[in-house]
C-alpha atoms as a PDB file:
ATOM      1  CA  MET A   1     -20.722 -39.225  11.754  1.00  0.00           C
ATOM      2  CA  SER A   2     -20.757 -38.324  15.441  1.00  0.00           C
ATOM      3  CA  GLU A   3     -23.067 -39.838  18.009  1.00  0.00           C
ATOM      4  CA  SER A   4     -25.616 -37.685  19.747  1.00  0.00           C
ATOM      5  CA  PRO A   5     -25.405 -37.582  23.556  1.00  0.00           C
ATOM      6  CA  ASN A   6     -28.516 -39.788  23.646  1.00  0.00           C
ATOM      7  CA  ASP A   7     -26.567 -42.570  21.895  1.00  0.00           C
ATOM      8  CA  ASP A   8     -23.412 -42.352  24.019  1.00  0.00           C
ATOM      9  CA  PRO A   9     -23.165 -45.560  26.107  1.00  0.00           C
ATOM     10  CA  VAL A  10     -21.223 -43.771  28.855  1.00  0.00           C
ATOM     11  CA  ILE A  11     -23.906 -41.108  29.245  1.00  0.00           C
ATOM     12  CA  ILE A  12     -26.648 -43.764  29.165  1.00  0.00           C
ATOM     13  CA  SER A  13     -24.900 -45.866  31.842  1.00  0.00           C
ATOM     14  CA  VAL A  14     -24.201 -42.931  34.141  1.00  0.00           C
ATOM     15  CA  ALA A  15     -27.801 -41.704  33.796  1.00  0.00           C
ATOM     16  CA  ALA A  16     -29.199 -45.156  34.589  1.00  0.00           C
ATOM     17  CA  TYR A  17     -27.125 -45.575  37.737  1.00  0.00           C
ATOM     18  CA  SER A  18     -27.664 -41.953  38.808  1.00  0.00           C
ATOM     19  CA  THR A  19     -31.455 -41.981  38.536  1.00  0.00           C
ATOM     20  CA  ASN A  20     -31.963 -43.603  41.931  1.00  0.00           C
ATOM     21  CA  PRO A  21     -28.683 -44.996  43.265  1.00  0.00           C
ATOM     22  CA  ILE A  22     -30.017 -45.857  46.723  1.00  0.00           C
ATOM     23  CA  ALA A  23     -32.832 -48.029  45.355  1.00  0.00           C
ATOM     24  CA  TYR A  24     -30.386 -49.690  42.947  1.00  0.00           C
ATOM     25  CA  GLU A  25     -27.928 -50.383  45.763  1.00  0.00           C
ATOM     26  CA  GLU A  26     -30.614 -51.791  48.059  1.00  0.00           C
ATOM     27  CA  LYS A  27     -31.870 -54.115  45.333  1.00  0.00           C
ATOM     28  CA  TYR A  28     -28.615 -55.287  43.740  1.00  0.00           C
ATOM     29  CA  ALA A  29     -25.631 -54.548  45.996  1.00  0.00           C
ATOM     30  CA  THR A  30     -25.992 -57.625  48.159  1.00  0.00           C
ATOM     31  CA  HIS A  31     -22.242 -57.917  48.656  1.00  0.00           C
ATOM     32  CA  LEU A  32     -19.106 -55.917  48.075  1.00  0.00           C
ATOM     33  CA  LEU A  33     -16.118 -56.940  46.025  1.00  0.00           C
ATOM     34  CA  ASP A  34     -14.394 -59.770  47.808  1.00  0.00           C
ATOM     35  CA  ARG A  35     -10.947 -58.430  47.101  1.00  0.00           C
ATOM     36  CA  PRO A  36     -11.065 -54.695  46.330  1.00  0.00           C
ATOM     37  CA  THR A  37      -7.376 -54.212  47.132  1.00  0.00           C
ATOM     38  CA  ARG A  38      -6.352 -56.923  44.651  1.00  0.00           C
ATOM     39  CA  PHE A  39      -8.683 -55.491  42.010  1.00  0.00           C
ATOM     40  CA  ALA A  40      -7.333 -51.972  42.517  1.00  0.00           C
ATOM     41  CA  SER A  41      -3.743 -53.215  42.290  1.00  0.00           C
ATOM     42  CA  LEU A  42      -4.403 -54.406  38.732  1.00  0.00           C
ATOM     43  CA  LEU A  43      -5.470 -50.955  37.518  1.00  0.00           C
ATOM     44  CA  SER A  44      -3.075 -48.570  35.835  1.00  0.00           C
ATOM     45  CA  PRO A  45      -2.523 -45.245  37.602  1.00  0.00           C
ATOM     46  CA  GLY A  46      -5.261 -42.798  36.621  1.00  0.00           C
ATOM     47  CA  SER A  47      -7.656 -45.538  35.513  1.00  0.00           C
ATOM     48  CA  HIS A  48     -11.380 -44.900  35.537  1.00  0.00           C
ATOM     49  CA  ILE A  49     -14.056 -47.541  36.067  1.00  0.00           C
ATOM     50  CA  LEU A  50     -17.409 -47.074  34.374  1.00  0.00           C
ATOM     51  CA  ASP A  51     -19.012 -50.320  35.456  1.00  0.00           C
ATOM     52  CA  LEU A  52     -17.836 -53.253  37.545  1.00  0.00           C
ATOM     53  CA  GLY A  53     -20.181 -55.784  36.036  1.00  0.00           C
ATOM     54  CA  CYS A  54     -23.141 -56.289  33.818  1.00  0.00           C
ATOM     55  CA  GLY A  55     -26.305 -55.489  35.684  1.00  0.00           C
ATOM     56  CA  PRO A  56     -26.949 -57.351  38.902  1.00  0.00           C
ATOM     57  CA  GLY A  57     -24.797 -60.275  37.733  1.00  0.00           C
ATOM     58  CA  ARG A  58     -27.272 -62.876  38.805  1.00  0.00           C
END
């Protein structure tokens, strides 16, 4: 049985973050990754990141 697009967690996540990204950033992006270079060095070439956390992480 295949999932409908409405049940796809990737589509749901992208839609949630795309609805109003500026308001989301202003409310939750209080700081950037402390070590983005280190984080990026751990990724395999061609990697994709869907989400860097779980909500605001508070």
